N, C-alpha and C. Protein backbone atom coordinates (compact mmCIF):
# COMPACT_ATOMS: atom_id res chain seq x y z
N UNK A 1 0.66 -1.12 -0.55
CA UNK A 1 -0.01 -0.21 0.08
C UNK A 1 0.80 1.25 0.41
N UNK A 2 0.30 2.40 -0.69
CA UNK A 2 1.17 3.15 -0.93
C UNK A 2 0.82 3.84 0.23
N UNK A 3 1.84 4.57 0.82
CA UNK A 3 1.81 5.75 2.45
C UNK A 3 1.78 7.06 1.79
N UNK A 4 0.71 7.64 2.59
CA UNK A 4 0.81 9.38 2.25
C UNK A 4 2.00 10.15 3.01
N UNK A 5 3.11 10.41 2.17
CA UNK A 5 3.94 11.20 3.02
C UNK A 5 3.68 12.50 3.18
N UNK A 6 2.45 13.31 3.08
CA UNK A 6 2.32 14.49 3.12
C UNK A 6 1.75 15.12 4.49
N UNK A 7 1.54 13.96 5.47
CA UNK A 7 1.11 14.20 6.87
C UNK A 7 1.67 15.06 7.34
N UNK A 8 2.67 15.83 7.36
CA UNK A 8 3.08 16.67 7.79
C UNK A 8 2.61 18.33 7.34
N UNK A 9 1.41 18.32 6.39
CA UNK A 9 0.97 19.27 5.73
C UNK A 9 -0.39 19.67 6.17
N UNK A 10 -1.15 18.73 7.01
CA UNK A 10 -2.12 18.64 7.70
C UNK A 10 -1.82 19.98 9.30
N UNK A 11 -2.90 20.96 9.36
CA UNK A 11 -3.23 21.38 10.46
C UNK A 11 -4.28 20.96 11.03
N UNK A 12 -4.30 21.34 12.38
CA UNK A 12 -5.48 21.30 13.42
C UNK A 12 -6.64 21.91 12.77
N UNK A 13 -7.81 20.88 13.14
CA UNK A 13 -9.08 21.58 12.24
C UNK A 13 -8.90 21.14 10.88
N UNK A 14 -8.01 20.49 9.94
CA UNK A 14 -8.63 19.75 8.94
C UNK A 14 -9.39 18.96 8.72
N UNK A 15 -10.02 18.46 7.79
CA UNK A 15 -11.23 17.30 7.74
C UNK A 15 -10.10 16.39 6.49
N UNK A 16 -10.08 15.40 7.37
CA UNK A 16 -9.02 14.12 6.14
C UNK A 16 -9.91 12.99 5.81
N UNK A 17 -9.72 11.76 5.53
CA UNK A 17 -10.47 10.92 5.40
C UNK A 17 -9.45 9.39 5.51
N UNK A 18 -9.70 8.67 6.02
CA UNK A 18 -9.09 7.53 6.43
C UNK A 18 -9.99 5.98 6.22
N UNK A 19 -9.08 5.11 5.57
CA UNK A 19 -9.99 3.97 5.76
C UNK A 19 -9.98 3.35 6.98
N UNK A 20 -11.01 2.66 7.53
CA UNK A 20 -11.20 2.28 9.01
C UNK A 20 -11.75 0.77 8.69
N UNK A 21 -10.99 0.25 9.68
CA UNK A 21 -11.78 -1.63 9.49
C UNK A 21 -12.63 -1.51 10.53
N UNK A 22 -13.40 -2.45 10.04
CA UNK A 22 -14.74 -2.58 11.75
C UNK A 22 -13.54 -3.78 12.75
N UNK A 23 -13.80 -3.28 14.12
CA UNK A 23 -12.70 -4.00 14.96
C UNK A 23 -13.69 -5.12 15.09
N UNK A 24 -14.79 -5.45 14.57
CA UNK A 24 -15.93 -6.70 15.27
C UNK A 24 -15.69 -7.50 13.96
N UNK A 25 -15.53 -7.01 12.87
CA UNK A 25 -15.63 -7.71 11.44
C UNK A 25 -14.66 -7.15 10.52
N UNK A 26 -13.70 -7.67 10.34
CA UNK A 26 -12.20 -7.50 10.21
C UNK A 26 -12.35 -7.49 8.53
N UNK A 27 -12.76 -8.28 7.77
CA UNK A 27 -13.14 -8.07 6.61
C UNK A 27 -13.52 -6.88 5.60
N UNK A 28 -14.65 -5.76 6.76
CA UNK A 28 -15.34 -4.55 6.80
C UNK A 28 -14.07 -3.45 6.35
N UNK A 29 -13.99 -2.57 5.54
CA UNK A 29 -13.69 -1.72 5.64
C UNK A 29 -14.31 -0.40 5.02
N UNK A 30 -14.47 0.51 5.94
CA UNK A 30 -15.01 1.64 5.02
C UNK A 30 -14.19 3.13 4.85
N UNK A 31 -14.72 3.93 4.39
CA UNK A 31 -14.28 5.51 4.27
C UNK A 31 -14.71 6.20 5.85
N UNK A 32 -13.85 6.74 6.33
CA UNK A 32 -13.68 7.38 7.59
C UNK A 32 -13.96 8.82 7.54
N UNK A 33 -14.23 10.14 7.70
CA UNK A 33 -14.42 11.12 7.55
C UNK A 33 -13.74 11.33 9.10
N UNK A 34 -12.84 11.78 9.29
CA UNK A 34 -11.92 12.28 10.82
C UNK A 34 -11.30 13.85 10.35
N UNK A 35 -11.27 14.29 11.90
CA UNK A 35 -10.44 15.75 11.87
C UNK A 35 -9.06 15.40 12.32
N UNK A 36 -8.05 16.40 12.02
CA UNK A 36 -7.02 16.82 12.61
C UNK A 36 -7.23 17.39 13.79
N UNK A 37 -6.27 16.45 15.13
CA UNK A 37 -6.16 17.76 16.09
C UNK A 37 -4.70 17.97 16.78
N UNK A 38 -4.70 18.81 17.61
CA UNK A 38 -3.50 18.23 18.44
C UNK A 38 -3.64 16.97 19.48
N UNK A 39 -2.53 16.50 19.57
CA UNK A 39 -2.47 15.40 20.25
C UNK A 39 -2.31 15.74 21.94
N UNK A 40 -3.29 15.18 22.17
CA UNK A 40 -3.38 15.64 23.67
C UNK A 40 -2.53 15.00 24.52
N UNK A 41 -1.94 14.17 24.02
CA UNK A 41 -0.49 13.29 25.12
C UNK A 41 0.58 14.10 24.79
N UNK A 42 0.69 14.93 23.19
CA UNK A 42 2.22 15.43 23.33
C UNK A 42 1.18 16.67 22.08
N UNK A 43 1.29 17.95 22.75
CA UNK A 43 0.93 18.87 22.28
C UNK A 43 1.70 19.51 20.94
N UNK A 44 3.01 18.73 20.56
CA UNK A 44 3.63 19.16 19.68
C UNK A 44 3.36 17.94 18.26
N UNK A 45 2.65 17.26 18.46
CA UNK A 45 2.71 16.50 17.53
C UNK A 45 0.80 16.36 17.16
N UNK A 46 0.79 16.26 15.95
CA UNK A 46 -0.94 15.80 15.14
C UNK A 46 -1.45 14.70 15.50
N UNK A 47 -2.59 14.50 16.00
CA UNK A 47 -3.41 13.19 16.01
C UNK A 47 -4.64 13.51 15.26
N UNK A 48 -5.22 12.09 14.71
CA UNK A 48 -6.00 12.02 14.09
C UNK A 48 -7.39 11.89 15.34
N UNK A 49 -8.55 12.18 15.05
CA UNK A 49 -9.59 12.09 15.89
C UNK A 49 -10.89 11.54 15.15
N UNK A 50 -11.26 9.81 15.73
CA UNK A 50 -11.70 9.38 15.00
C UNK A 50 -12.35 8.43 15.70
N UNK A 51 -13.94 8.54 16.08
CA UNK A 51 -14.84 7.80 17.00
C UNK A 51 -14.66 7.75 18.36
N UNK A 52 -13.96 8.91 19.20
CA UNK A 52 -14.06 9.33 19.52
C UNK A 52 -12.34 9.00 20.52
N UNK A 53 -11.72 8.75 19.61
CA UNK A 53 -10.11 8.20 20.14
C UNK A 53 -9.46 8.65 19.35
N UNK A 54 -7.75 9.44 19.69
CA UNK A 54 -6.87 9.88 19.35
C UNK A 54 -5.65 9.15 18.61
N UNK A 55 -5.84 8.90 17.59
CA UNK A 55 -4.24 8.17 16.99
C UNK A 55 -3.13 9.13 16.06
N UNK A 56 -2.22 8.88 17.01
CA UNK A 56 -1.12 9.72 16.37
C UNK A 56 -1.02 9.94 14.96
N UNK A 57 -1.04 10.96 14.33
CA UNK A 57 -1.01 11.25 12.74
C UNK A 57 0.48 10.77 12.31
N UNK A 58 0.77 9.70 11.55
CA UNK A 58 2.11 9.62 11.47
C UNK A 58 1.90 8.99 10.03
N UNK A 59 3.52 8.78 9.25
CA UNK A 59 3.48 9.04 8.01
C UNK A 59 2.85 7.32 7.23
N UNK A 60 2.97 6.57 8.52
CA UNK A 60 2.40 5.44 8.19
C UNK A 60 0.72 5.18 7.90
N UNK A 61 0.19 6.49 8.52
CA UNK A 61 -1.29 6.09 8.04
C UNK A 61 -1.91 6.57 7.03
N UNK A 62 -2.51 6.33 5.96
CA UNK A 62 -3.06 6.48 4.89
C UNK A 62 -4.07 7.42 4.79
N UNK A 63 -4.15 8.61 4.58
CA UNK A 63 -4.84 9.83 5.31
C UNK A 63 -4.73 10.83 3.61
N UNK A 64 -6.09 11.14 3.57
CA UNK A 64 -6.62 11.57 2.46
C UNK A 64 -7.05 12.67 2.49
N UNK A 65 -6.97 13.80 2.09
CA UNK A 65 -7.32 14.96 1.95
C UNK A 65 -8.94 15.85 1.83
N UNK A 66 -9.04 14.56 0.28
CA UNK A 66 -10.48 14.81 -0.16
C UNK A 66 -10.85 13.45 -0.19
N UNK A 67 -12.33 13.45 -0.17
CA UNK A 67 -13.41 12.22 -0.37
C UNK A 67 -13.09 11.27 -1.72
N UNK A 68 -12.40 12.23 -2.49
CA UNK A 68 -12.92 11.41 -3.80
C UNK A 68 -11.23 11.02 -4.01
N UNK A 69 -9.73 11.62 -3.53
CA UNK A 69 -8.72 10.85 -3.26
C UNK A 69 -8.62 9.33 -2.61
N UNK A 70 -9.42 9.45 -1.58
CA UNK A 70 -10.08 8.28 -0.50
C UNK A 70 -10.54 7.10 -1.25
N UNK A 71 -11.31 7.63 -2.27
CA UNK A 71 -12.56 6.48 -2.76
C UNK A 71 -11.43 6.17 -4.24
N UNK A 72 -10.77 6.83 -4.84
CA UNK A 72 -10.35 6.01 -5.49
C UNK A 72 -8.87 5.16 -4.91
N UNK A 73 -8.30 5.68 -3.72
CA UNK A 73 -7.42 4.41 -3.17
C UNK A 73 -7.97 3.56 -2.92
N UNK A 74 -8.97 3.32 -2.12
CA UNK A 74 -9.93 2.71 -2.15
C UNK A 74 -9.84 1.88 -2.55
N UNK A 75 -10.92 1.76 -4.00
CA UNK A 75 -11.02 1.09 -5.02
C UNK A 75 -10.15 0.29 -5.74
N UNK A 76 -8.70 1.34 -5.27
CA UNK A 76 -7.43 0.41 -6.16
C UNK A 76 -6.90 -0.88 -4.89
N UNK A 77 -7.08 -0.50 -4.02
CA UNK A 77 -6.97 -1.56 -2.49
C UNK A 77 -7.72 -2.63 -2.90
N UNK A 78 -8.58 -2.41 -2.49
CA UNK A 78 -10.02 -2.99 -1.98
C UNK A 78 -10.89 -3.66 -2.87
N UNK A 79 -11.22 -2.95 -4.19
CA UNK A 79 -11.70 -3.25 -5.17
C UNK A 79 -13.49 -2.96 -4.42
N UNK A 80 -13.90 -4.17 -5.15
CA UNK A 80 -15.70 -4.02 -4.59
C UNK A 80 -15.50 -5.18 -3.64
N UNK A 81 -15.72 -4.76 -2.55
CA UNK A 81 -15.85 -5.27 -1.27
C UNK A 81 -17.38 -6.20 -1.32
């Protein structure tokens, strides 16, 4: 999977789109809208706020700035699940 290297260009308050796997049904993945925020555990870093949980924003996370980009990548990696 191609990793998004532009994670440093995000700012708190940005809306992004990420792939999210259902923790109860591992073969179900969706695109989910999330917010970029300051990491509450380290205010010098950014995090993704998704489903009331903070995830550190790293270059290992597939993050897309538009829903269209996320949909294109989703189709490329997951096809018609």
